[in-house]
Amino acid sequence: MIQTDETTLARLKPRDGKPLVFLAIPTYDRRMDIGTADAVVRATSTTRCVVRRHNAPLLAYNFNICWCDALNLRESLGVTHFCMLHADLIPSGDWLNDLMAELERSGLDALSVVSPIKDLRGLTSTGLDVSGLAGKSPWAVRRITMSELFMLPETFEGADAAAILPGWPKNWPVTLCVNTGLLLIDLRKPWVEQVHFEIRDCIHRDPVSGLFEAFCEPEDWGFSRQMAALGVRYGATRKILLNHIGSMAYDNASAWGTEKSDSVGVVSEVVEVVVPDGVLVGV
């Protein structure tokens, strides 16, 4: 099991002003891809890290255990950053050092690496919140495809994505929903004590058809909405190359996939929308 032992922690305690990353690898079945383990070893060879692997069957609870450990070690150990790496993701090269550099260069407080989901459509788990638009379900997100990803800057924020997605309503509030698979956060800001990971579920009954429908907000998109509500500057990047391991390796290195856009969040049929302050907005 990859985990920083007490002897290593003791050597890390003196504070010398250098960043110290809490590297969390959450699992639910104690399994980690061998490529992920290799990526952790590569990270620790160039970046000062406290490595923790937590195993719990409930996803959000597992993430919150990791998050709390990192927050608690800020004072006692001098941890400055939190990095989550899922056990089925394999980032390439000197990935953690490069991700730290990109976070600093971009001036962001949090940075997620875009990862494709594990099928051939080319959809990613990064997108824009469309739950406030007419006809959209609770917590709906218009996901960015791999084809669209390469129309964006290498590192981007929500406004960048809204500018390239067809039919996005002008002046509509933009909330970028990012993935936690490879996520780096600067812990030296007060907002980090006001967020947590949570999976929310609900059931709605359609007033016209009378049919019931289940909805779910995954923990990563919920965490993104919390950051947006607090005014946090965060973004997503494809600068770090990775493979998402399933029945095959799904990479973020090129534009690919059968789907060029995400039909879940299409907004082209919206004629006009009203933003919360009552200002009429045209598409």
C-alpha atoms as a PDB file:
ATOM      1  CA  MET A   1       0.000   0.000   0.000  1.00  0.00           C
ATOM      2  CA  ILE A   2       1.317   3.421  -0.938  1.00  0.00           C
ATOM      3  CA  GLN A   3       1.220   5.624   2.135  1.00  0.00           C
ATOM      4  CA  THR A   4       3.655   8.000   3.809  1.00  0.00           C
ATOM      5  CA  ASP A   5       4.990   6.409   6.990  1.00  0.00           C
ATOM      6  CA  GLU A   6       5.687   8.190  10.285  1.00  0.00           C
ATOM      7  CA  THR A   7       9.439   8.346   9.681  1.00  0.00           C
ATOM      8  CA  THR A   8       8.934  10.172   6.406  1.00  0.00           C
ATOM      9  CA  LEU A   9       6.418  12.518   8.038  1.00  0.00           C
ATOM     10  CA  ALA A  10       8.969  13.399  10.684  1.00  0.00           C
ATOM     11  CA  ARG A  11      11.471  14.393   7.992  1.00  0.00           C
ATOM     12  CA  LEU A  12       8.858  16.619   6.345  1.00  0.00           C
ATOM     13  CA  LYS A  13       7.961  18.586   9.476  1.00  0.00           C
ATOM     14  CA  PRO A  14      10.546  21.402   9.240  1.00  0.00           C
ATOM     15  CA  ARG A  15       8.963  24.238   7.258  1.00  0.00           C
ATOM     16  CA  ASP A  16      11.266  25.670   4.622  1.00  0.00           C
ATOM     17  CA  GLY A  17       8.725  27.632   2.599  1.00  0.00           C
ATOM     18  CA  LYS A  18       8.503  24.988  -0.108  1.00  0.00           C
ATOM     19  CA  PRO A  19       5.127  23.580  -1.192  1.00  0.00           C
ATOM     20  CA  LEU A  20       4.051  20.326   0.425  1.00  0.00           C
ATOM     21  CA  VAL A  21       1.323  18.404  -1.381  1.00  0.00           C
ATOM     22  CA  PHE A  22      -1.156  16.072   0.295  1.00  0.00           C
ATOM     23  CA  LEU A  23      -1.568  13.425  -2.414  1.00  0.00           C
ATOM     24  CA  ALA A  24      -4.780  11.447  -1.863  1.00  0.00           C
ATOM     25  CA  ILE A  25      -5.660   8.230  -3.699  1.00  0.00           C
ATOM     26  CA  PRO A  26      -9.184   7.202  -2.634  1.00  0.00           C
ATOM     27  CA  THR A  27     -10.269   3.598  -3.304  1.00  0.00           C
ATOM     28  CA  TYR A  28     -13.353   1.557  -2.437  1.00  0.00           C
ATOM     29  CA  ASP A  29     -12.029  -1.959  -3.103  1.00  0.00           C
ATOM     30  CA  ARG A  30      -8.376  -1.436  -2.140  1.00  0.00           C
ATOM     31  CA  ARG A  31      -7.345  -1.808  -5.772  1.00  0.00           C
ATOM     32  CA  MET A  32      -5.158   0.640  -7.674  1.00  0.00           C
ATOM     33  CA  ASP A  33      -4.017   0.390 -11.278  1.00  0.00           C
ATOM     34  CA  ILE A  34      -0.323  -0.396 -11.483  1.00  0.00           C
ATOM     35  CA  GLY A  35       0.096   2.603 -13.772  1.00  0.00           C
ATOM     36  CA  THR A  36      -1.447   4.848 -11.102  1.00  0.00           C
ATOM     37  CA  ALA A  37       0.979   3.460  -8.516  1.00  0.00           C
ATOM     38  CA  ASP A  38       3.857   4.218 -10.874  1.00  0.00           C
ATOM     39  CA  ALA A  39       2.530   7.764 -11.334  1.00  0.00           C
ATOM     40  CA  VAL A  40       2.557   8.256  -7.549  1.00  0.00           C
ATOM     41  CA  VAL A  41       6.173   7.115  -7.353  1.00  0.00           C
ATOM     42  CA  ARG A  42       7.109   9.522 -10.158  1.00  0.00           C
ATOM     43  CA  ALA A  43       5.341  12.386  -8.382  1.00  0.00           C
ATOM     44  CA  THR A  44       7.145  11.833  -5.093  1.00  0.00           C
ATOM     45  CA  SER A  45      10.526  11.844  -6.835  1.00  0.00           C
ATOM     46  CA  THR A  46      10.184  15.506  -7.876  1.00  0.00           C
ATOM     47  CA  THR A  47       7.592  17.023  -5.530  1.00  0.00           C
ATOM     48  CA  ARG A  48       7.406  17.021  -1.724  1.00  0.00           C
ATOM     49  CA  CYS A  49       4.357  14.907  -0.889  1.00  0.00           C
ATOM     50  CA  VAL A  50       2.433  13.337   1.925  1.00  0.00           C
ATOM     51  CA  VAL A  51       0.830  10.291   0.314  1.00  0.00           C
ATOM     52  CA  ARG A  52      -2.374   8.802   1.672  1.00  0.00           C
ATOM     53  CA  ARG A  53      -4.594   6.058   0.284  1.00  0.00           C
ATOM     54  CA  HIS A  54      -7.981   5.860   1.965  1.00  0.00           C
ATOM     55  CA  ASN A  55     -10.411   3.009   1.400  1.00  0.00           C
ATOM     56  CA  ALA A  56     -14.136   3.468   2.030  1.00  0.00           C
ATOM     57  CA  PRO A  57     -17.175   2.140   0.143  1.00  0.00           C
ATOM     58  CA  LEU A  58     -19.037   5.458   0.113  1.00  0.00           C
ATOM     59  CA  LEU A  59     -17.481   7.786  -2.468  1.00  0.00           C
ATOM     60  CA  ALA A  60     -18.164  11.241  -1.008  1.00  0.00           C
ATOM     61  CA  TYR A  61     -17.326  10.071   2.533  1.00  0.00           C
ATOM     62  CA  ASN A  62     -14.007   8.709   1.275  1.00  0.00           C
ATOM     63  CA  PHE A  63     -13.208  12.007  -0.437  1.00  0.00           C
ATOM     64  CA  ASN A  64     -14.133  13.960   2.702  1.00  0.00           C
ATOM     65  CA  ILE A  65     -11.813  11.807   4.829  1.00  0.00           C
ATOM     66  CA  CYS A  66      -8.964  12.700   2.464  1.00  0.00           C
ATOM     67  CA  TRP A  67      -9.964  16.373   2.470  1.00  0.00           C
ATOM     68  CA  CYS A  68     -10.119  16.556   6.279  1.00  0.00           C
ATOM     69  CA  ASP A  69      -6.724  14.864   6.638  1.00  0.00           C
ATOM     70  CA  ALA A  70      -5.190  17.474   4.347  1.00  0.00           C
ATOM     71  CA  LEU A  71      -6.821  20.381   6.202  1.00  0.00           C
ATOM     72  CA  ASN A  72      -5.693  19.009   9.557  1.00  0.00           C
ATOM     73  CA  LEU A  73      -2.074  18.712   8.403  1.00  0.00           C
ATOM     74  CA  ARG A  74      -1.767  22.334   7.308  1.00  0.00           C
ATOM     75  CA  GLU A  75      -0.705  23.542  10.729  1.00  0.00           C
ATOM     76  CA  SER A  76       1.057  20.485  12.100  1.00  0.00           C
ATOM     77  CA  LEU A  77       2.988  19.577   8.967  1.00  0.00           C
ATOM     78  CA  GLY A  78       2.854  22.609   6.696  1.00  0.00           C
ATOM     79  CA  VAL A  79       0.748  21.057   3.920  1.00  0.00           C
ATOM     80  CA  THR A  80       0.072  23.701   1.278  1.00  0.00           C
ATOM     81  CA  HIS A  81      -1.782  21.841  -1.472  1.00  0.00           C
ATOM     82  CA  PHE A  82      -4.283  19.024  -1.887  1.00  0.00           C
ATOM     83  CA  CYS A  83      -4.155  16.711  -4.889  1.00  0.00           C
ATOM     84  CA  MET A  84      -6.648  13.941  -5.535  1.00  0.00           C
ATOM     85  CA  LEU A  85      -5.750  11.159  -7.949  1.00  0.00           C
ATOM     86  CA  HIS A  86      -8.293   8.455  -8.702  1.00  0.00           C
ATOM     87  CA  ALA A  87      -6.987   4.895  -8.727  1.00  0.00           C
ATOM     88  CA  ASP A  88      -7.909   4.350 -12.400  1.00  0.00           C
ATOM     89  CA  LEU A  89      -6.145   7.417 -13.808  1.00  0.00           C
ATOM     90  CA  ILE A  90      -2.577   7.351 -15.133  1.00  0.00           C
ATOM     91  CA  PRO A  91      -1.050  10.802 -15.683  1.00  0.00           C
ATOM     92  CA  SER A  92       2.154  10.894 -17.704  1.00  0.00           C
ATOM     93  CA  GLY A  93       5.614  12.350 -17.163  1.00  0.00           C
ATOM     94  CA  ASP A  94       6.435  14.686 -14.271  1.00  0.00           C
ATOM     95  CA  TRP A  95       2.726  15.284 -13.886  1.00  0.00           C
ATOM     96  CA  LEU A  96       2.433  16.672 -10.348  1.00  0.00           C
ATOM     97  CA  ASN A  97       5.303  19.114 -10.748  1.00  0.00           C
ATOM     98  CA  ASP A  98       3.837  20.239 -14.095  1.00  0.00           C
ATOM     99  CA  LEU A  99       0.352  20.592 -12.591  1.00  0.00           C
ATOM    100  CA  MET A 100       1.725  22.673  -9.705  1.00  0.00           C
ATOM    101  CA  ALA A 101       3.491  24.937 -12.200  1.00  0.00           C
ATOM    102  CA  GLU A 102       0.320  25.353 -14.277  1.00  0.00           C
ATOM    103  CA  LEU A 103      -1.745  26.215 -11.196  1.00  0.00           C
ATOM    104  CA  GLU A 104       0.734  28.944 -10.292  1.00  0.00           C
ATOM    105  CA  ARG A 105       1.067  30.219 -13.866  1.00  0.00           C
ATOM    106  CA  SER A 106      -2.684  30.514 -14.346  1.00  0.00           C
ATOM    107  CA  GLY A 107      -3.302  32.245 -11.017  1.00  0.00           C
ATOM    108  CA  LEU A 108      -6.058  29.781 -10.132  1.00  0.00           C
ATOM    109  CA  ASP A 109      -6.930  28.372  -6.710  1.00  0.00           C
ATOM    110  CA  ALA A 110      -7.977  24.971  -8.082  1.00  0.00           C
ATOM    111  CA  LEU A 111      -7.195  23.148 -11.302  1.00  0.00           C
ATOM    112  CA  SER A 112      -8.708  19.920 -12.669  1.00  0.00           C
ATOM    113  CA  VAL A 113      -7.254  17.794 -15.462  1.00  0.00           C
ATOM    114  CA  VAL A 114      -9.872  16.958 -18.103  1.00  0.00           C
ATOM    115  CA  SER A 115     -10.512  13.231 -18.386  1.00  0.00           C
ATOM    116  CA  PRO A 116     -12.720  11.370 -20.878  1.00  0.00           C
ATOM    117  CA  ILE A 117     -15.333   9.013 -19.522  1.00  0.00           C
ATOM    118  CA  LYS A 118     -14.818   5.332 -20.228  1.00  0.00           C
ATOM    119  CA  ASP A 119     -16.643   4.746 -23.508  1.00  0.00           C
ATOM    120  CA  LEU A 120     -16.157   5.601 -27.180  1.00  0.00           C
ATOM    121  CA  ARG A 121     -18.388   8.677 -27.346  1.00  0.00           C
ATOM    122  CA  GLY A 122     -15.573  11.063 -26.428  1.00  0.00           C
ATOM    123  CA  LEU A 123     -17.543  12.796 -23.670  1.00  0.00           C
ATOM    124  CA  THR A 124     -15.643  14.199 -20.706  1.00  0.00           C
ATOM    125  CA  SER A 125     -16.778  14.732 -17.120  1.00  0.00           C
ATOM    126  CA  THR A 126     -16.075  18.468 -17.484  1.00  0.00           C
ATOM    127  CA  GLY A 127     -18.855  20.780 -18.602  1.00  0.00           C
ATOM    128  CA  LEU A 128     -21.102  23.776 -17.941  1.00  0.00           C
ATOM    129  CA  ASP A 129     -24.079  23.910 -15.589  1.00  0.00           C
ATOM    130  CA  VAL A 130     -27.346  24.182 -17.555  1.00  0.00           C
ATOM    131  CA  SER A 131     -29.757  23.324 -14.725  1.00  0.00           C
ATOM    132  CA  GLY A 132     -31.121  26.883 -14.656  1.00  0.00           C
ATOM    133  CA  LEU A 133     -32.187  26.862 -18.296  1.00  0.00           C
ATOM    134  CA  ALA A 134     -35.761  26.209 -19.386  1.00  0.00           C
ATOM    135  CA  GLY A 135     -36.575  22.533 -19.781  1.00  0.00           C
ATOM    136  CA  LYS A 136     -33.380  21.269 -18.174  1.00  0.00           C
ATOM    137  CA  SER A 137     -33.393  18.766 -15.328  1.00  0.00           C
ATOM    138  CA  PRO A 138     -32.057  19.516 -11.839  1.00  0.00           C
ATOM    139  CA  TRP A 139     -28.250  19.631 -11.765  1.00  0.00           C
ATOM    140  CA  ALA A 140     -27.982  19.145 -15.554  1.00  0.00           C
ATOM    141  CA  VAL A 141     -24.526  19.695 -17.061  1.00  0.00           C
ATOM    142  CA  ARG A 142     -23.648  20.211 -20.713  1.00  0.00           C
ATOM    143  CA  ARG A 143     -20.475  18.133 -20.975  1.00  0.00           C
ATOM    144  CA  ILE A 144     -17.531  19.125 -23.127  1.00  0.00           C
ATOM    145  CA  THR A 145     -16.547  16.535 -25.730  1.00  0.00           C
ATOM    146  CA  MET A 146     -12.996  15.637 -26.661  1.00  0.00           C
ATOM    147  CA  SER A 147     -13.535  17.362 -30.013  1.00  0.00           C
ATOM    148  CA  GLU A 148     -14.630  20.567 -28.273  1.00  0.00           C
ATOM    149  CA  LEU A 149     -11.803  20.324 -25.763  1.00  0.00           C
ATOM    150  CA  PHE A 150      -9.276  20.960 -28.499  1.00  0.00           C
ATOM    151  CA  MET A 151     -11.121  24.109 -29.550  1.00  0.00           C
ATOM    152  CA  LEU A 152     -10.364  25.556 -26.098  1.00  0.00           C
ATOM    153  CA  PRO A 153      -7.158  26.975 -24.625  1.00  0.00           C
ATOM    154  CA  GLU A 154      -4.956  24.337 -23.022  1.00  0.00           C
ATOM    155  CA  THR A 155      -6.042  25.645 -19.612  1.00  0.00           C
ATOM    156  CA  PHE A 156      -9.469  27.276 -19.464  1.00  0.00           C
ATOM    157  CA  GLU A 157     -12.211  28.634 -17.235  1.00  0.00           C
ATOM    158  CA  GLY A 158     -15.983  28.568 -17.620  1.00  0.00           C
ATOM    159  CA  ALA A 159     -16.203  31.678 -19.776  1.00  0.00           C
ATOM    160  CA  ASP A 160     -13.779  30.152 -22.278  1.00  0.00           C
ATOM    161  CA  ALA A 161     -15.998  27.084 -22.634  1.00  0.00           C
ATOM    162  CA  ALA A 162     -19.206  29.123 -22.956  1.00  0.00           C
ATOM    163  CA  ALA A 163     -17.620  31.079 -25.807  1.00  0.00           C
ATOM    164  CA  ILE A 164     -17.129  27.995 -27.991  1.00  0.00           C
ATOM    165  CA  LEU A 165     -20.240  25.925 -27.186  1.00  0.00           C
ATOM    166  CA  PRO A 166     -22.941  26.408 -29.863  1.00  0.00           C
ATOM    167  CA  GLY A 167     -26.123  28.122 -28.715  1.00  0.00           C
ATOM    168  CA  TRP A 168     -24.887  29.204 -25.295  1.00  0.00           C
ATOM    169  CA  PRO A 169     -27.203  32.016 -24.071  1.00  0.00           C
ATOM    170  CA  LYS A 170     -25.569  35.429 -24.045  1.00  0.00           C
ATOM    171  CA  ASN A 171     -24.799  36.754 -20.561  1.00  0.00           C
ATOM    172  CA  TRP A 172     -26.185  33.636 -18.896  1.00  0.00           C
ATOM    173  CA  PRO A 173     -24.278  32.914 -15.627  1.00  0.00           C
ATOM    174  CA  VAL A 174     -21.517  30.392 -16.292  1.00  0.00           C
ATOM    175  CA  THR A 175     -20.572  27.666 -13.821  1.00  0.00           C
ATOM    176  CA  LEU A 176     -17.822  25.299 -14.871  1.00  0.00           C
ATOM    177  CA  CYS A 177     -18.269  21.762 -13.521  1.00  0.00           C
ATOM    178  CA  VAL A 178     -14.951  19.939 -13.226  1.00  0.00           C
ATOM    179  CA  ASN A 179     -13.859  16.418 -12.422  1.00  0.00           C
ATOM    180  CA  THR A 180     -12.119  15.284  -9.224  1.00  0.00           C
ATOM    181  CA  GLY A 181     -10.147  12.481 -10.916  1.00  0.00           C
ATOM    182  CA  LEU A 182      -6.999  14.592 -10.967  1.00  0.00           C
ATOM    183  CA  LEU A 183      -7.629  17.777  -9.010  1.00  0.00           C
ATOM    184  CA  LEU A 184      -5.114  20.163  -7.425  1.00  0.00           C
ATOM    185  CA  ILE A 185      -6.153  22.798  -4.862  1.00  0.00           C
ATOM    186  CA  ASP A 186      -4.184  25.492  -3.038  1.00  0.00           C
ATOM    187  CA  LEU A 187      -5.071  25.039   0.642  1.00  0.00           C
ATOM    188  CA  ARG A 188      -3.728  28.442   1.715  1.00  0.00           C
ATOM    189  CA  LYS A 189      -7.055  30.210   1.134  1.00  0.00           C
ATOM    190  CA  PRO A 190      -9.919  30.533   3.659  1.00  0.00           C
ATOM    191  CA  TRP A 191     -12.591  29.179   1.289  1.00  0.00           C
ATOM    192  CA  VAL A 192     -11.210  25.636   1.582  1.00  0.00           C
ATOM    193  CA  GLU A 193     -12.835  25.317   5.021  1.00  0.00           C
ATOM    194  CA  GLN A 194     -16.290  26.033   3.543  1.00  0.00           C
ATOM    195  CA  VAL A 195     -16.577  23.199   1.035  1.00  0.00           C
ATOM    196  CA  HIS A 196     -17.111  19.461   1.144  1.00  0.00           C
ATOM    197  CA  PHE A 197     -17.927  16.519  -1.120  1.00  0.00           C
ATOM    198  CA  GLU A 198     -21.547  15.398  -1.294  1.00  0.00           C
ATOM    199  CA  ILE A 199     -23.725  13.320  -3.613  1.00  0.00           C
ATOM    200  CA  ARG A 200     -27.273  14.689  -3.782  1.00  0.00           C
ATOM    201  CA  ASP A 201     -30.318  12.799  -5.067  1.00  0.00           C
ATOM    202  CA  CYS A 202     -33.949  13.683  -5.630  1.00  0.00           C
ATOM    203  CA  ILE A 203     -37.111  12.422  -7.295  1.00  0.00           C
ATOM    204  CA  HIS A 204     -39.409  14.716  -9.295  1.00  0.00           C
ATOM    205  CA  ARG A 205     -42.798  13.948 -10.759  1.00  0.00           C
ATOM    206  CA  ASP A 206     -43.484  15.437 -14.165  1.00  0.00           C
ATOM    207  CA  PRO A 207     -46.660  17.574 -13.813  1.00  0.00           C
ATOM    208  CA  VAL A 208     -47.745  16.787 -17.380  1.00  0.00           C
ATOM    209  CA  SER A 209     -47.028  13.072 -17.762  1.00  0.00           C
ATOM    210  CA  GLY A 210     -47.328  12.186 -14.083  1.00  0.00           C
ATOM    211  CA  LEU A 211     -44.185  10.054 -14.372  1.00  0.00           C
ATOM    212  CA  PHE A 212     -41.534   9.959 -11.665  1.00  0.00           C
ATOM    213  CA  GLU A 213     -37.873  10.527 -12.537  1.00  0.00           C
ATOM    214  CA  ALA A 214     -34.715  10.183 -10.445  1.00  0.00           C
ATOM    215  CA  PHE A 215     -31.937  12.796 -10.552  1.00  0.00           C
ATOM    216  CA  CYS A 216     -28.437  12.839  -9.073  1.00  0.00           C
ATOM    217  CA  GLU A 217     -25.758  15.471  -8.565  1.00  0.00           C
ATOM    218  CA  PRO A 218     -22.333  13.763  -8.454  1.00  0.00           C
ATOM    219  CA  GLU A 219     -19.813  14.910  -5.896  1.00  0.00           C
ATOM    220  CA  ASP A 220     -17.471  16.562  -8.405  1.00  0.00           C
ATOM    221  CA  TRP A 221     -20.112  18.802  -9.956  1.00  0.00           C
ATOM    222  CA  GLY A 222     -21.498  19.631  -6.516  1.00  0.00           C
ATOM    223  CA  PHE A 223     -18.014  20.595  -5.342  1.00  0.00           C
ATOM    224  CA  SER A 224     -17.650  22.776  -8.449  1.00  0.00           C
ATOM    225  CA  ARG A 225     -20.923  24.576  -7.726  1.00  0.00           C
ATOM    226  CA  GLN A 226     -19.749  25.227  -4.171  1.00  0.00           C
ATOM    227  CA  MET A 227     -16.518  26.780  -5.457  1.00  0.00           C
ATOM    228  CA  ALA A 228     -18.433  28.925  -7.940  1.00  0.00           C
ATOM    229  CA  ALA A 229     -20.813  30.166  -5.212  1.00  0.00           C
ATOM    230  CA  LEU A 230     -17.823  31.211  -3.093  1.00  0.00           C
ATOM    231  CA  GLY A 231     -16.198  33.125  -5.974  1.00  0.00           C
ATOM    232  CA  VAL A 232     -13.228  30.754  -6.231  1.00  0.00           C
ATOM    233  CA  ARG A 233     -11.093  31.004  -9.375  1.00  0.00           C
ATOM    234  CA  TYR A 234     -10.804  27.493 -10.720  1.00  0.00           C
ATOM    235  CA  GLY A 235     -10.375  25.900 -14.112  1.00  0.00           C
ATOM    236  CA  ALA A 236      -9.585  22.803 -16.140  1.00  0.00           C
ATOM    237  CA  THR A 237      -6.625  21.783 -18.256  1.00  0.00           C
ATOM    238  CA  ARG A 238      -5.484  19.218 -20.834  1.00  0.00           C
ATOM    239  CA  LYS A 239      -1.857  20.207 -20.298  1.00  0.00           C
ATOM    240  CA  ILE A 240      -1.316  17.033 -18.270  1.00  0.00           C
ATOM    241  CA  LEU A 241      -1.684  13.971 -20.472  1.00  0.00           C
ATOM    242  CA  LEU A 242      -3.455  11.017 -18.899  1.00  0.00           C
ATOM    243  CA  ASN A 243      -5.182   7.716 -19.540  1.00  0.00           C
ATOM    244  CA  HIS A 244      -8.477   6.737 -17.917  1.00  0.00           C
ATOM    245  CA  ILE A 245      -8.325   2.973 -17.480  1.00  0.00           C
ATOM    246  CA  GLY A 246     -11.390   0.846 -18.181  1.00  0.00           C
ATOM    247  CA  SER A 247     -11.833  -1.924 -20.731  1.00  0.00           C
ATOM    248  CA  MET A 248      -9.144   0.045 -22.587  1.00  0.00           C
ATOM    249  CA  ALA A 249      -7.129   3.227 -22.019  1.00  0.00           C
ATOM    250  CA  TYR A 250      -9.111   6.397 -22.813  1.00  0.00           C
ATOM    251  CA  ASP A 251      -6.712   9.312 -23.322  1.00  0.00           C
ATOM    252  CA  ASN A 252      -7.024  13.107 -23.324  1.00  0.00           C
ATOM    253  CA  ALA A 253      -4.212  13.631 -25.852  1.00  0.00           C
ATOM    254  CA  SER A 254      -6.296  14.246 -28.989  1.00  0.00           C
ATOM    255  CA  ALA A 255      -9.755  15.031 -30.340  1.00  0.00           C
ATOM    256  CA  TRP A 256     -11.628  11.740 -30.666  1.00  0.00           C
ATOM    257  CA  GLY A 257     -15.031  10.154 -30.108  1.00  0.00           C
ATOM    258  CA  THR A 258     -18.283   9.436 -31.900  1.00  0.00           C
ATOM    259  CA  GLU A 259     -20.028  12.448 -30.348  1.00  0.00           C
ATOM    260  CA  LYS A 260     -19.010  15.955 -31.437  1.00  0.00           C
ATOM    261  CA  SER A 261     -21.320  17.618 -28.883  1.00  0.00           C
ATOM    262  CA  ASP A 262     -23.309  16.586 -25.803  1.00  0.00           C
ATOM    263  CA  SER A 263     -27.020  16.297 -26.534  1.00  0.00           C
ATOM    264  CA  VAL A 264     -27.825  16.306 -22.800  1.00  0.00           C
ATOM    265  CA  GLY A 265     -27.137  20.004 -22.506  1.00  0.00           C
ATOM    266  CA  VAL A 266     -28.110  21.360 -25.920  1.00  0.00           C
ATOM    267  CA  VAL A 267     -29.523  24.868 -25.498  1.00  0.00           C
ATOM    268  CA  SER A 268     -30.097  25.802 -29.146  1.00  0.00           C
ATOM    269  CA  GLU A 269     -33.888  25.478 -28.765  1.00  0.00           C
ATOM    270  CA  VAL A 270     -34.029  28.134 -26.045  1.00  0.00           C
ATOM    271  CA  VAL A 271     -35.427  31.339 -27.543  1.00  0.00           C
ATOM    272  CA  GLU A 272     -34.997  33.542 -24.520  1.00  0.00           C
ATOM    273  CA  VAL A 273     -34.149  33.143 -20.865  1.00  0.00           C
ATOM    274  CA  VAL A 274     -34.400  35.368 -17.810  1.00  0.00           C
ATOM    275  CA  VAL A 275     -31.457  35.593 -15.467  1.00  0.00           C
ATOM    276  CA  PRO A 276     -32.101  35.749 -11.704  1.00  0.00           C
ATOM    277  CA  ASP A 277     -32.001  39.565 -11.538  1.00  0.00           C
ATOM    278  CA  GLY A 278     -34.785  39.774 -14.121  1.00  0.00           C
ATOM    279  CA  VAL A 279     -32.730  40.871 -17.115  1.00  0.00           C
ATOM    280  CA  LEU A 280     -33.989  39.380 -20.380  1.00  0.00           C
ATOM    281  CA  VAL A 281     -31.321  37.471 -22.261  1.00  0.00           C
ATOM    282  CA  GLY A 282     -31.398  36.337 -25.892  1.00  0.00           C
ATOM    283  CA  VAL A 283     -29.713  33.266 -27.299  1.00  0.00           C
END
